[in-house]
Amino acid sequence: MATEGIAPLTDVEQDALCELANVAMARAAASLRGMVRHEVRLSVPQCEILPPVVAAGKVLRDDNPNLVAIRQDFAGAFSGRALLVFPEVSSLELMRAVLGRYVPLADILDLEDEALAETGNIILNSWVATIANMLKQSFKMSLPAVIRRHRHHIFESGSLQESLILFLHIKFDIREQEVQGYLALIMDLPSIEQLRSLIGEFLKSLSSETD
């Protein structure tokens, strides 16, 4: 699981991080429900910690060569980049679900980037804030940016070779329409080490509560 020069997370650390991510995703779905004023069902996301090249392989399918992502950088006790990634066709499905199926396609296309940015901002902010709260930290988030890239380049960053990705395959069911996408948290080596330390403190606090 580790990339060169990066100490892998232990199984216990990975399980704890994935549990945090799953709780955060449920909170994010609740925030999205408040936005669309409609029931949002979320399957329990599959959570993995992967090198970027392996994470890219997870989205490499013949039917989704081009991807749309909402990107927000965050900084605090550790720093990184959060991405909410969809195949192009799924991004339109998401906008139909959020805006309502009776909105004309031309209007959805006109509003797509604005609506994607707002939707991504709600999901990513809620997701990162929940993890931060559980780790007793705070983070500053950048404004959301909508990017479109070929599938081979979606996880590119300046420190790509020194990064690991917390990678979730997510499925939303909104207005009886299923939307599939990916949520990725990209962190460099110093941030990963700081995150490991915070996870250790989190596990200790859980242990003390059960004693």
N, C-alpha and C. Protein backbone atom coordinates (compact mmCIF):
# COMPACT_ATOMS: atom_id res chain seq x y z
N MET A 1 0.82 -1.21 0.00
CA MET A 1 0.00 0.00 0.00
C MET A 1 0.85 1.26 0.00
N ALA A 2 2.08 1.20 0.49
CA ALA A 2 2.89 2.40 0.63
C ALA A 2 3.57 2.75 -0.67
N THR A 3 3.79 4.04 -0.87
CA THR A 3 4.64 4.48 -1.95
C THR A 3 6.04 4.61 -1.40
N GLU A 4 7.00 4.72 -2.29
CA GLU A 4 8.39 4.78 -1.87
C GLU A 4 8.62 5.97 -0.95
N GLY A 5 9.24 5.72 0.20
CA GLY A 5 9.58 6.79 1.12
C GLY A 5 8.48 7.13 2.11
N ILE A 6 7.33 6.44 1.99
CA ILE A 6 6.22 6.73 2.88
C ILE A 6 5.93 5.51 3.74
N ALA A 7 5.95 5.72 5.06
CA ALA A 7 5.64 4.61 5.96
C ALA A 7 4.16 4.29 5.83
N PRO A 8 3.82 3.01 5.66
CA PRO A 8 2.41 2.66 5.53
C PRO A 8 1.68 2.83 6.85
N LEU A 9 0.39 3.07 6.77
CA LEU A 9 -0.42 3.08 7.97
C LEU A 9 -0.63 1.64 8.43
N THR A 10 -0.69 1.46 9.72
CA THR A 10 -0.99 0.13 10.23
C THR A 10 -2.45 -0.20 9.93
N ASP A 11 -2.81 -1.48 10.06
CA ASP A 11 -4.19 -1.87 9.82
C ASP A 11 -5.14 -1.14 10.77
N VAL A 12 -4.72 -0.99 12.02
CA VAL A 12 -5.56 -0.29 13.00
C VAL A 12 -5.75 1.17 12.62
N GLU A 13 -4.66 1.83 12.18
CA GLU A 13 -4.75 3.22 11.76
C GLU A 13 -5.63 3.37 10.53
N GLN A 14 -5.48 2.46 9.58
CA GLN A 14 -6.29 2.53 8.37
C GLN A 14 -7.76 2.30 8.70
N ASP A 15 -8.05 1.33 9.56
CA ASP A 15 -9.44 1.08 9.95
C ASP A 15 -10.04 2.31 10.63
N ALA A 16 -9.26 2.96 11.49
CA ALA A 16 -9.76 4.14 12.20
C ALA A 16 -10.01 5.28 11.22
N LEU A 17 -9.09 5.48 10.28
CA LEU A 17 -9.25 6.55 9.31
C LEU A 17 -10.46 6.31 8.42
N CYS A 18 -10.66 5.06 8.00
CA CYS A 18 -11.82 4.75 7.17
C CYS A 18 -13.12 4.91 7.94
N GLU A 19 -13.10 4.58 9.22
CA GLU A 19 -14.30 4.78 10.04
C GLU A 19 -14.62 6.27 10.15
N LEU A 20 -13.60 7.10 10.35
CA LEU A 20 -13.80 8.55 10.37
C LEU A 20 -14.38 9.02 9.04
N ALA A 21 -13.83 8.51 7.95
CA ALA A 21 -14.28 8.92 6.62
C ALA A 21 -15.73 8.52 6.38
N ASN A 22 -16.12 7.33 6.85
CA ASN A 22 -17.49 6.88 6.65
C ASN A 22 -18.48 7.71 7.47
N VAL A 23 -18.11 8.03 8.72
CA VAL A 23 -18.96 8.90 9.53
C VAL A 23 -19.09 10.27 8.87
N ALA A 24 -17.97 10.79 8.37
CA ALA A 24 -17.97 12.10 7.72
C ALA A 24 -18.83 12.08 6.46
N MET A 25 -18.81 10.97 5.73
CA MET A 25 -19.60 10.89 4.51
C MET A 25 -21.09 10.87 4.82
N ALA A 26 -21.47 10.21 5.90
CA ALA A 26 -22.87 10.21 6.31
C ALA A 26 -23.32 11.63 6.67
N ARG A 27 -22.45 12.38 7.37
CA ARG A 27 -22.78 13.78 7.71
C ARG A 27 -22.88 14.63 6.44
N ALA A 28 -22.00 14.36 5.49
CA ALA A 28 -22.04 15.11 4.23
C ALA A 28 -23.34 14.84 3.48
N ALA A 29 -23.79 13.59 3.49
CA ALA A 29 -25.06 13.26 2.85
C ALA A 29 -26.21 14.00 3.52
N ALA A 30 -26.14 14.13 4.84
CA ALA A 30 -27.18 14.87 5.57
C ALA A 30 -27.17 16.34 5.16
N SER A 31 -25.97 16.91 4.97
CA SER A 31 -25.87 18.30 4.53
C SER A 31 -26.45 18.46 3.13
N LEU A 32 -26.17 17.49 2.25
CA LEU A 32 -26.72 17.55 0.90
C LEU A 32 -28.24 17.44 0.93
N ARG A 33 -28.75 16.63 1.83
CA ARG A 33 -30.21 16.49 1.98
C ARG A 33 -30.84 17.84 2.33
N GLY A 34 -30.15 18.61 3.17
CA GLY A 34 -30.66 19.92 3.51
C GLY A 34 -30.67 20.87 2.34
N MET A 35 -29.73 20.68 1.41
CA MET A 35 -29.67 21.55 0.24
C MET A 35 -30.77 21.23 -0.76
N VAL A 36 -30.95 19.95 -1.07
CA VAL A 36 -31.91 19.57 -2.12
C VAL A 36 -33.32 19.42 -1.57
N ARG A 37 -33.45 19.43 -0.22
CA ARG A 37 -34.76 19.27 0.42
C ARG A 37 -35.46 18.01 -0.08
N HIS A 38 -34.70 16.96 -0.17
CA HIS A 38 -35.21 15.68 -0.62
C HIS A 38 -34.36 14.59 0.01
N GLU A 39 -34.92 13.42 0.20
CA GLU A 39 -34.19 12.33 0.82
C GLU A 39 -32.94 12.00 0.00
N VAL A 40 -31.81 11.86 0.70
CA VAL A 40 -30.56 11.44 0.08
C VAL A 40 -30.09 10.17 0.77
N ARG A 41 -30.07 9.09 0.03
CA ARG A 41 -29.59 7.82 0.58
C ARG A 41 -28.16 7.59 0.11
N LEU A 42 -27.33 7.16 1.02
CA LEU A 42 -25.92 6.95 0.72
C LEU A 42 -25.52 5.54 1.11
N SER A 43 -24.98 4.80 0.16
CA SER A 43 -24.45 3.49 0.51
C SER A 43 -23.19 3.66 1.33
N VAL A 44 -22.90 2.71 2.20
CA VAL A 44 -21.66 2.78 2.98
C VAL A 44 -20.50 2.73 2.00
N PRO A 45 -19.70 3.78 1.94
CA PRO A 45 -18.67 3.83 0.90
C PRO A 45 -17.52 2.88 1.16
N GLN A 46 -17.00 2.34 0.08
CA GLN A 46 -15.78 1.54 0.17
C GLN A 46 -14.62 2.49 0.38
N CYS A 47 -13.80 2.22 1.37
CA CYS A 47 -12.70 3.11 1.75
C CYS A 47 -11.38 2.39 1.59
N GLU A 48 -10.44 3.04 0.91
CA GLU A 48 -9.10 2.48 0.73
C GLU A 48 -8.07 3.60 0.86
N ILE A 49 -6.85 3.24 1.21
CA ILE A 49 -5.74 4.19 1.23
C ILE A 49 -4.74 3.73 0.18
N LEU A 50 -4.53 4.56 -0.83
CA LEU A 50 -3.85 4.12 -2.04
C LEU A 50 -2.81 5.12 -2.51
N PRO A 51 -1.75 4.65 -3.20
CA PRO A 51 -0.89 5.55 -3.95
C PRO A 51 -1.68 6.17 -5.10
N PRO A 52 -1.30 7.36 -5.56
CA PRO A 52 -2.07 8.03 -6.62
C PRO A 52 -2.25 7.19 -7.88
N VAL A 53 -1.22 6.48 -8.30
CA VAL A 53 -1.34 5.72 -9.55
C VAL A 53 -2.37 4.61 -9.41
N VAL A 54 -2.48 4.03 -8.21
CA VAL A 54 -3.46 2.98 -7.98
C VAL A 54 -4.87 3.59 -7.91
N ALA A 55 -4.99 4.74 -7.23
CA ALA A 55 -6.28 5.43 -7.16
C ALA A 55 -6.76 5.80 -8.56
N ALA A 56 -5.84 6.27 -9.41
CA ALA A 56 -6.21 6.61 -10.78
C ALA A 56 -6.74 5.38 -11.51
N GLY A 57 -6.14 4.23 -11.23
CA GLY A 57 -6.59 3.00 -11.85
C GLY A 57 -8.02 2.64 -11.48
N LYS A 58 -8.47 3.09 -10.32
CA LYS A 58 -9.83 2.80 -9.89
C LYS A 58 -10.87 3.52 -10.74
N VAL A 59 -10.47 4.63 -11.36
CA VAL A 59 -11.42 5.37 -12.19
C VAL A 59 -11.14 5.19 -13.68
N LEU A 60 -10.21 4.30 -14.01
CA LEU A 60 -9.86 4.06 -15.41
C LEU A 60 -10.80 3.01 -16.00
N ARG A 61 -11.86 3.49 -16.60
CA ARG A 61 -12.77 2.59 -17.30
C ARG A 61 -13.02 3.17 -18.68
N ASP A 62 -13.32 2.31 -19.61
CA ASP A 62 -13.49 2.76 -20.99
C ASP A 62 -14.65 3.74 -21.14
N ASP A 63 -15.63 3.65 -20.23
CA ASP A 63 -16.81 4.50 -20.37
C ASP A 63 -16.69 5.85 -19.66
N ASN A 64 -15.55 6.13 -19.02
CA ASN A 64 -15.40 7.44 -18.38
C ASN A 64 -14.00 8.00 -18.58
N PRO A 65 -13.59 8.24 -19.83
CA PRO A 65 -12.25 8.79 -20.05
C PRO A 65 -12.09 10.21 -19.53
N ASN A 66 -13.17 10.97 -19.47
CA ASN A 66 -13.10 12.36 -19.01
C ASN A 66 -13.87 12.49 -17.70
N LEU A 67 -13.23 13.17 -16.75
CA LEU A 67 -13.77 13.30 -15.41
C LEU A 67 -14.01 14.75 -15.05
N VAL A 68 -14.99 14.97 -14.19
CA VAL A 68 -15.28 16.29 -13.63
C VAL A 68 -15.04 16.19 -12.13
N ALA A 69 -14.36 17.18 -11.57
CA ALA A 69 -14.08 17.15 -10.14
C ALA A 69 -14.30 18.52 -9.52
N ILE A 70 -14.77 18.51 -8.30
CA ILE A 70 -14.79 19.73 -7.49
C ILE A 70 -13.61 19.62 -6.54
N ARG A 71 -12.75 20.61 -6.57
CA ARG A 71 -11.49 20.58 -5.82
C ARG A 71 -11.49 21.68 -4.76
N GLN A 72 -11.10 21.30 -3.55
CA GLN A 72 -10.89 22.28 -2.49
C GLN A 72 -9.64 21.89 -1.70
N ASP A 73 -8.74 22.83 -1.56
CA ASP A 73 -7.55 22.61 -0.74
C ASP A 73 -7.89 22.96 0.71
N PHE A 74 -7.22 22.28 1.64
CA PHE A 74 -7.46 22.56 3.05
C PHE A 74 -6.12 22.64 3.78
N ALA A 75 -6.10 23.40 4.85
CA ALA A 75 -4.87 23.58 5.63
C ALA A 75 -5.23 23.70 7.10
N GLY A 76 -4.39 23.10 7.92
CA GLY A 76 -4.59 23.12 9.36
C GLY A 76 -3.50 22.29 10.01
N ALA A 77 -3.89 21.38 10.90
CA ALA A 77 -2.92 20.50 11.54
C ALA A 77 -2.19 19.67 10.49
N PHE A 78 -2.88 19.32 9.43
CA PHE A 78 -2.26 18.76 8.23
C PHE A 78 -2.95 19.37 7.03
N SER A 79 -2.32 19.30 5.89
CA SER A 79 -2.83 19.97 4.70
C SER A 79 -3.01 18.96 3.57
N GLY A 80 -3.80 19.35 2.59
CA GLY A 80 -3.99 18.47 1.45
C GLY A 80 -5.02 19.03 0.50
N ARG A 81 -5.51 18.15 -0.33
CA ARG A 81 -6.48 18.52 -1.36
C ARG A 81 -7.62 17.51 -1.34
N ALA A 82 -8.84 18.01 -1.30
CA ALA A 82 -10.02 17.16 -1.34
C ALA A 82 -10.64 17.27 -2.73
N LEU A 83 -10.97 16.12 -3.30
CA LEU A 83 -11.58 16.07 -4.62
C LEU A 83 -12.85 15.24 -4.57
N LEU A 84 -13.92 15.76 -5.14
CA LEU A 84 -15.13 15.01 -5.38
C LEU A 84 -15.20 14.78 -6.88
N VAL A 85 -15.06 13.53 -7.31
CA VAL A 85 -14.82 13.20 -8.72
C VAL A 85 -15.99 12.42 -9.30
N PHE A 86 -16.40 12.81 -10.50
CA PHE A 86 -17.46 12.11 -11.21
C PHE A 86 -17.07 11.93 -12.67
N PRO A 87 -17.44 10.81 -13.29
CA PRO A 87 -17.42 10.75 -14.75
C PRO A 87 -18.34 11.84 -15.30
N GLU A 88 -18.05 12.33 -16.50
CA GLU A 88 -18.85 13.43 -17.04
C GLU A 88 -20.34 13.12 -17.04
N VAL A 89 -20.70 11.89 -17.43
CA VAL A 89 -22.12 11.54 -17.49
C VAL A 89 -22.73 11.55 -16.10
N SER A 90 -21.97 11.14 -15.09
CA SER A 90 -22.50 11.12 -13.73
C SER A 90 -22.66 12.52 -13.18
N SER A 91 -21.82 13.47 -13.60
CA SER A 91 -21.97 14.84 -13.12
C SER A 91 -23.29 15.43 -13.60
N LEU A 92 -23.70 15.10 -14.82
CA LEU A 92 -25.00 15.56 -15.31
C LEU A 92 -26.13 14.89 -14.54
N GLU A 93 -25.97 13.59 -14.23
CA GLU A 93 -26.97 12.89 -13.44
C GLU A 93 -27.11 13.54 -12.06
N LEU A 94 -25.97 13.92 -11.47
CA LEU A 94 -26.00 14.57 -10.17
C LEU A 94 -26.75 15.89 -10.26
N MET A 95 -26.48 16.68 -11.30
CA MET A 95 -27.15 17.97 -11.44
C MET A 95 -28.65 17.79 -11.68
N ARG A 96 -29.03 16.78 -12.43
CA ARG A 96 -30.45 16.50 -12.62
C ARG A 96 -31.11 16.16 -11.27
N ALA A 97 -30.38 15.37 -10.46
CA ALA A 97 -30.92 14.98 -9.17
C ALA A 97 -31.03 16.17 -8.22
N VAL A 98 -30.01 17.04 -8.24
CA VAL A 98 -29.99 18.19 -7.34
C VAL A 98 -30.99 19.26 -7.78
N LEU A 99 -31.01 19.56 -9.08
CA LEU A 99 -31.85 20.64 -9.59
C LEU A 99 -33.28 20.19 -9.86
N GLY A 100 -33.47 18.89 -10.01
CA GLY A 100 -34.80 18.38 -10.32
C GLY A 100 -34.87 17.88 -11.74
N ARG A 101 -35.51 16.76 -11.93
CA ARG A 101 -35.49 16.10 -13.24
C ARG A 101 -36.26 16.86 -14.30
N TYR A 102 -37.11 17.82 -13.88
CA TYR A 102 -37.92 18.54 -14.86
C TYR A 102 -37.24 19.82 -15.35
N VAL A 103 -36.05 20.10 -14.85
CA VAL A 103 -35.30 21.25 -15.36
C VAL A 103 -34.76 20.88 -16.73
N PRO A 104 -34.98 21.73 -17.76
CA PRO A 104 -34.49 21.41 -19.11
C PRO A 104 -32.99 21.20 -19.13
N LEU A 105 -32.53 20.28 -19.99
CA LEU A 105 -31.11 19.97 -20.08
C LEU A 105 -30.28 21.21 -20.39
N ALA A 106 -30.79 22.08 -21.26
CA ALA A 106 -30.04 23.30 -21.61
C ALA A 106 -29.80 24.16 -20.38
N ASP A 107 -30.80 24.23 -19.50
CA ASP A 107 -30.64 25.02 -18.27
C ASP A 107 -29.63 24.36 -17.34
N ILE A 108 -29.66 23.02 -17.28
CA ILE A 108 -28.70 22.30 -16.43
C ILE A 108 -27.28 22.57 -16.92
N LEU A 109 -27.09 22.54 -18.23
CA LEU A 109 -25.75 22.79 -18.79
C LEU A 109 -25.28 24.19 -18.46
N ASP A 110 -26.21 25.15 -18.52
CA ASP A 110 -25.84 26.54 -18.21
C ASP A 110 -25.47 26.69 -16.74
N LEU A 111 -26.14 25.94 -15.88
CA LEU A 111 -25.93 26.08 -14.44
C LEU A 111 -24.93 25.07 -13.89
N GLU A 112 -24.40 24.18 -14.76
CA GLU A 112 -23.69 23.01 -14.26
C GLU A 112 -22.51 23.37 -13.36
N ASP A 113 -21.60 24.22 -13.82
CA ASP A 113 -20.42 24.51 -13.02
C ASP A 113 -20.78 25.17 -11.70
N GLU A 114 -21.71 26.12 -11.74
CA GLU A 114 -22.13 26.80 -10.51
C GLU A 114 -22.77 25.82 -9.54
N ALA A 115 -23.64 24.95 -10.06
CA ALA A 115 -24.32 23.99 -9.18
C ALA A 115 -23.36 22.93 -8.68
N LEU A 116 -22.42 22.50 -9.54
CA LEU A 116 -21.42 21.53 -9.11
C LEU A 116 -20.56 22.11 -7.99
N ALA A 117 -20.13 23.36 -8.16
CA ALA A 117 -19.29 23.99 -7.15
C ALA A 117 -20.03 24.09 -5.82
N GLU A 118 -21.30 24.47 -5.87
CA GLU A 118 -22.07 24.60 -4.63
C GLU A 118 -22.28 23.23 -3.97
N THR A 119 -22.61 22.23 -4.80
CA THR A 119 -22.82 20.88 -4.26
C THR A 119 -21.53 20.32 -3.67
N GLY A 120 -20.44 20.47 -4.43
CA GLY A 120 -19.15 19.99 -3.93
C GLY A 120 -18.72 20.70 -2.67
N ASN A 121 -18.97 22.00 -2.61
CA ASN A 121 -18.60 22.79 -1.43
C ASN A 121 -19.33 22.27 -0.19
N ILE A 122 -20.62 21.97 -0.34
CA ILE A 122 -21.39 21.45 0.79
C ILE A 122 -20.86 20.10 1.23
N ILE A 123 -20.64 19.19 0.28
CA ILE A 123 -20.19 17.84 0.62
C ILE A 123 -18.78 17.86 1.18
N LEU A 124 -17.84 18.54 0.50
CA LEU A 124 -16.44 18.51 0.94
C LEU A 124 -16.26 19.25 2.26
N ASN A 125 -16.90 20.40 2.41
CA ASN A 125 -16.77 21.14 3.67
C ASN A 125 -17.31 20.34 4.83
N SER A 126 -18.47 19.73 4.64
CA SER A 126 -19.05 18.93 5.71
C SER A 126 -18.18 17.72 6.02
N TRP A 127 -17.64 17.10 4.98
CA TRP A 127 -16.81 15.90 5.14
C TRP A 127 -15.53 16.21 5.91
N VAL A 128 -14.80 17.25 5.45
CA VAL A 128 -13.55 17.62 6.11
C VAL A 128 -13.82 18.14 7.52
N ALA A 129 -14.88 18.93 7.69
CA ALA A 129 -15.20 19.49 9.01
C ALA A 129 -15.52 18.39 10.02
N THR A 130 -16.20 17.34 9.57
CA THR A 130 -16.53 16.24 10.48
C THR A 130 -15.28 15.52 10.94
N ILE A 131 -14.38 15.23 9.99
CA ILE A 131 -13.11 14.59 10.36
C ILE A 131 -12.32 15.49 11.31
N ALA A 132 -12.29 16.78 11.00
CA ALA A 132 -11.57 17.72 11.85
C ALA A 132 -12.14 17.74 13.26
N ASN A 133 -13.47 17.75 13.36
CA ASN A 133 -14.12 17.78 14.67
C ASN A 133 -13.81 16.52 15.47
N MET A 134 -13.82 15.37 14.81
CA MET A 134 -13.56 14.11 15.52
C MET A 134 -12.10 14.01 15.96
N LEU A 135 -11.21 14.69 15.22
CA LEU A 135 -9.79 14.71 15.59
C LEU A 135 -9.45 15.93 16.44
N LYS A 136 -10.49 16.73 16.79
CA LYS A 136 -10.32 17.93 17.61
C LYS A 136 -9.37 18.95 16.97
N GLN A 137 -9.58 19.17 15.67
CA GLN A 137 -8.77 20.11 14.91
C GLN A 137 -9.69 21.04 14.13
N SER A 138 -9.09 22.04 13.50
CA SER A 138 -9.84 22.92 12.60
C SER A 138 -9.03 23.15 11.34
N PHE A 139 -9.74 23.39 10.25
CA PHE A 139 -9.09 23.57 8.96
C PHE A 139 -9.69 24.75 8.23
N LYS A 140 -8.89 25.37 7.40
CA LYS A 140 -9.36 26.38 6.47
C LYS A 140 -9.49 25.74 5.10
N MET A 141 -10.62 26.02 4.43
CA MET A 141 -10.89 25.44 3.13
C MET A 141 -10.85 26.53 2.05
N SER A 142 -10.26 26.22 0.91
CA SER A 142 -10.28 27.14 -0.21
C SER A 142 -11.66 27.15 -0.85
N LEU A 143 -11.90 28.12 -1.71
CA LEU A 143 -13.14 28.13 -2.46
C LEU A 143 -13.14 26.95 -3.43
N PRO A 144 -14.32 26.39 -3.74
CA PRO A 144 -14.36 25.25 -4.65
C PRO A 144 -14.03 25.64 -6.08
N ALA A 145 -13.34 24.76 -6.77
CA ALA A 145 -13.03 24.96 -8.18
C ALA A 145 -13.47 23.72 -8.94
N VAL A 146 -14.14 23.91 -10.05
CA VAL A 146 -14.55 22.80 -10.91
C VAL A 146 -13.49 22.59 -11.96
N ILE A 147 -12.98 21.37 -12.04
CA ILE A 147 -11.94 21.06 -13.02
C ILE A 147 -12.41 19.90 -13.88
N ARG A 148 -11.93 19.88 -15.11
CA ARG A 148 -12.21 18.79 -16.05
C ARG A 148 -10.88 18.28 -16.58
N ARG A 149 -10.67 17.00 -16.39
CA ARG A 149 -9.40 16.41 -16.79
C ARG A 149 -9.62 15.01 -17.34
N HIS A 150 -8.67 14.58 -18.14
CA HIS A 150 -8.66 13.19 -18.57
C HIS A 150 -8.37 12.32 -17.36
N ARG A 151 -8.87 11.11 -17.40
CA ARG A 151 -8.78 10.22 -16.24
C ARG A 151 -7.35 9.97 -15.78
N HIS A 152 -6.36 10.07 -16.68
CA HIS A 152 -4.97 9.81 -16.30
C HIS A 152 -4.39 10.94 -15.46
N HIS A 153 -5.02 12.12 -15.45
CA HIS A 153 -4.42 13.29 -14.83
C HIS A 153 -5.21 13.84 -13.65
N ILE A 154 -6.27 13.16 -13.24
CA ILE A 154 -7.17 13.74 -12.25
C ILE A 154 -6.51 13.92 -10.89
N PHE A 155 -5.54 13.06 -10.54
CA PHE A 155 -4.92 13.15 -9.22
C PHE A 155 -3.54 13.80 -9.26
N GLU A 156 -3.21 14.47 -10.35
CA GLU A 156 -1.91 15.12 -10.45
C GLU A 156 -1.82 16.28 -9.45
N SER A 157 -0.64 16.40 -8.83
CA SER A 157 -0.36 17.53 -7.94
C SER A 157 1.15 17.70 -7.88
N GLY A 158 1.59 18.78 -7.29
CA GLY A 158 3.01 19.05 -7.25
C GLY A 158 3.81 18.01 -6.48
N SER A 159 3.17 17.34 -5.52
CA SER A 159 3.88 16.35 -4.70
C SER A 159 3.30 14.95 -4.92
N LEU A 160 2.88 14.68 -6.15
CA LEU A 160 2.16 13.44 -6.44
C LEU A 160 2.92 12.21 -6.01
N GLN A 161 4.24 12.18 -6.23
CA GLN A 161 4.98 10.97 -5.93
C GLN A 161 5.20 10.76 -4.43
N GLU A 162 4.89 11.77 -3.62
CA GLU A 162 5.05 11.64 -2.17
C GLU A 162 3.69 11.67 -1.46
N SER A 163 2.68 11.24 -2.17
CA SER A 163 1.34 11.34 -1.62
C SER A 163 0.69 9.98 -1.46
N LEU A 164 -0.25 9.95 -0.54
CA LEU A 164 -1.20 8.86 -0.45
C LEU A 164 -2.60 9.46 -0.55
N ILE A 165 -3.54 8.63 -0.96
CA ILE A 165 -4.90 9.11 -1.16
C ILE A 165 -5.86 8.27 -0.34
N LEU A 166 -6.64 8.96 0.50
CA LEU A 166 -7.78 8.31 1.14
C LEU A 166 -8.89 8.34 0.10
N PHE A 167 -9.29 7.16 -0.37
CA PHE A 167 -10.11 7.05 -1.58
C PHE A 167 -11.42 6.34 -1.25
N LEU A 168 -12.54 6.99 -1.55
CA LEU A 168 -13.84 6.41 -1.30
C LEU A 168 -14.65 6.34 -2.59
N HIS A 169 -15.22 5.18 -2.85
CA HIS A 169 -16.17 5.02 -3.95
C HIS A 169 -17.56 5.21 -3.35
N ILE A 170 -18.27 6.25 -3.80
CA ILE A 170 -19.54 6.61 -3.16
C ILE A 170 -20.71 6.46 -4.14
N LYS A 171 -21.88 6.19 -3.57
CA LYS A 171 -23.11 6.09 -4.35
C LYS A 171 -24.19 6.88 -3.63
N PHE A 172 -24.72 7.90 -4.30
CA PHE A 172 -25.85 8.66 -3.79
C PHE A 172 -27.11 8.21 -4.50
N ASP A 173 -28.20 8.19 -3.77
CA ASP A 173 -29.52 7.97 -4.37
C ASP A 173 -30.36 9.19 -4.02
N ILE A 174 -30.58 10.06 -5.03
CA ILE A 174 -31.32 11.31 -4.83
C ILE A 174 -32.49 11.32 -5.81
N ARG A 175 -33.68 11.56 -5.30
CA ARG A 175 -34.87 11.58 -6.16
C ARG A 175 -34.96 10.31 -7.00
N GLU A 176 -34.65 9.18 -6.38
CA GLU A 176 -34.69 7.87 -7.03
C GLU A 176 -33.72 7.77 -8.20
N GLN A 177 -32.70 8.58 -8.19
CA GLN A 177 -31.66 8.52 -9.23
C GLN A 177 -30.32 8.24 -8.57
N GLU A 178 -29.67 7.17 -9.00
CA GLU A 178 -28.39 6.79 -8.40
C GLU A 178 -27.26 7.51 -9.11
N VAL A 179 -26.37 8.10 -8.32
CA VAL A 179 -25.20 8.80 -8.84
C VAL A 179 -23.96 8.20 -8.20
N GLN A 180 -23.01 7.81 -9.03
CA GLN A 180 -21.79 7.22 -8.52
C GLN A 180 -20.62 8.16 -8.75
N GLY A 181 -19.73 8.20 -7.78
CA GLY A 181 -18.56 9.05 -7.91
C GLY A 181 -17.48 8.60 -6.94
N TYR A 182 -16.51 9.47 -6.74
CA TYR A 182 -15.36 9.15 -5.89
C TYR A 182 -15.01 10.37 -5.06
N LEU A 183 -14.57 10.13 -3.84
CA LEU A 183 -14.07 11.20 -3.00
C LEU A 183 -12.64 10.86 -2.62
N ALA A 184 -11.73 11.79 -2.85
CA ALA A 184 -10.31 11.53 -2.60
C ALA A 184 -9.73 12.64 -1.75
N LEU A 185 -8.95 12.24 -0.76
CA LEU A 185 -8.22 13.17 0.09
C LEU A 185 -6.74 12.92 -0.17
N ILE A 186 -6.06 13.89 -0.77
CA ILE A 186 -4.67 13.74 -1.17
C ILE A 186 -3.78 14.47 -0.18
N MET A 187 -2.79 13.76 0.38
CA MET A 187 -1.91 14.35 1.39
C MET A 187 -0.46 13.99 1.11
N ASP A 188 0.44 14.94 1.39
CA ASP A 188 1.86 14.67 1.21
C ASP A 188 2.43 14.02 2.47
N LEU A 189 3.72 13.69 2.43
CA LEU A 189 4.35 12.93 3.51
C LEU A 189 4.25 13.60 4.88
N PRO A 190 4.60 14.89 5.03
CA PRO A 190 4.48 15.49 6.37
C PRO A 190 3.05 15.47 6.91
N SER A 191 2.08 15.69 6.03
CA SER A 191 0.69 15.68 6.47
C SER A 191 0.24 14.28 6.87
N ILE A 192 0.72 13.28 6.14
CA ILE A 192 0.38 11.90 6.48
C ILE A 192 0.91 11.55 7.86
N GLU A 193 2.15 11.96 8.14
CA GLU A 193 2.73 11.66 9.45
C GLU A 193 1.97 12.38 10.57
N GLN A 194 1.56 13.63 10.32
CA GLN A 194 0.79 14.35 11.32
C GLN A 194 -0.58 13.71 11.51
N LEU A 195 -1.18 13.25 10.41
CA LEU A 195 -2.46 12.58 10.50
C LEU A 195 -2.34 11.29 11.32
N ARG A 196 -1.26 10.57 11.13
CA ARG A 196 -1.04 9.34 11.90
C ARG A 196 -0.98 9.65 13.39
N SER A 197 -0.32 10.74 13.74
CA SER A 197 -0.23 11.13 15.14
C SER A 197 -1.60 11.46 15.71
N LEU A 198 -2.42 12.17 14.94
CA LEU A 198 -3.76 12.52 15.41
C LEU A 198 -4.66 11.30 15.51
N ILE A 199 -4.49 10.37 14.59
CA ILE A 199 -5.27 9.12 14.67
C ILE A 199 -4.88 8.35 15.94
N GLY A 200 -3.57 8.35 16.26
CA GLY A 200 -3.12 7.71 17.48
C GLY A 200 -3.78 8.31 18.71
N GLU A 201 -3.86 9.65 18.75
CA GLU A 201 -4.52 10.30 19.87
C GLU A 201 -6.01 9.97 19.91
N PHE A 202 -6.62 9.89 18.74
CA PHE A 202 -8.04 9.54 18.64
C PHE A 202 -8.28 8.14 19.18
N LEU A 203 -7.44 7.19 18.81
CA LEU A 203 -7.58 5.82 19.28
C LEU A 203 -7.37 5.73 20.80
N LYS A 204 -6.43 6.51 21.32
CA LYS A 204 -6.21 6.53 22.77
C LYS A 204 -7.43 7.05 23.50
N SER A 205 -8.05 8.08 22.93
CA SER A 205 -9.24 8.65 23.58
C SER A 205 -10.38 7.64 23.59
N LEU A 206 -10.52 6.88 22.50
CA LEU A 206 -11.55 5.85 22.46
C LEU A 206 -11.29 4.77 23.49
N SER A 207 -10.00 4.42 23.61
CA SER A 207 -9.62 3.38 24.55
C SER A 207 -9.91 3.81 25.99
N SER A 208 -9.62 5.07 26.29
CA SER A 208 -9.84 5.57 27.66
C SER A 208 -11.32 5.64 27.97
N GLU A 209 -12.17 5.88 26.95
CA GLU A 209 -13.61 5.95 27.18
C GLU A 209 -14.20 4.58 27.49
N THR A 210 -13.55 3.53 26.98
CA THR A 210 -14.09 2.18 27.19
C THR A 210 -13.52 1.51 28.43
N ASP A 211 -12.47 2.12 29.02
CA ASP A 211 -11.86 1.54 30.24
C ASP A 211 -12.77 1.73 31.45
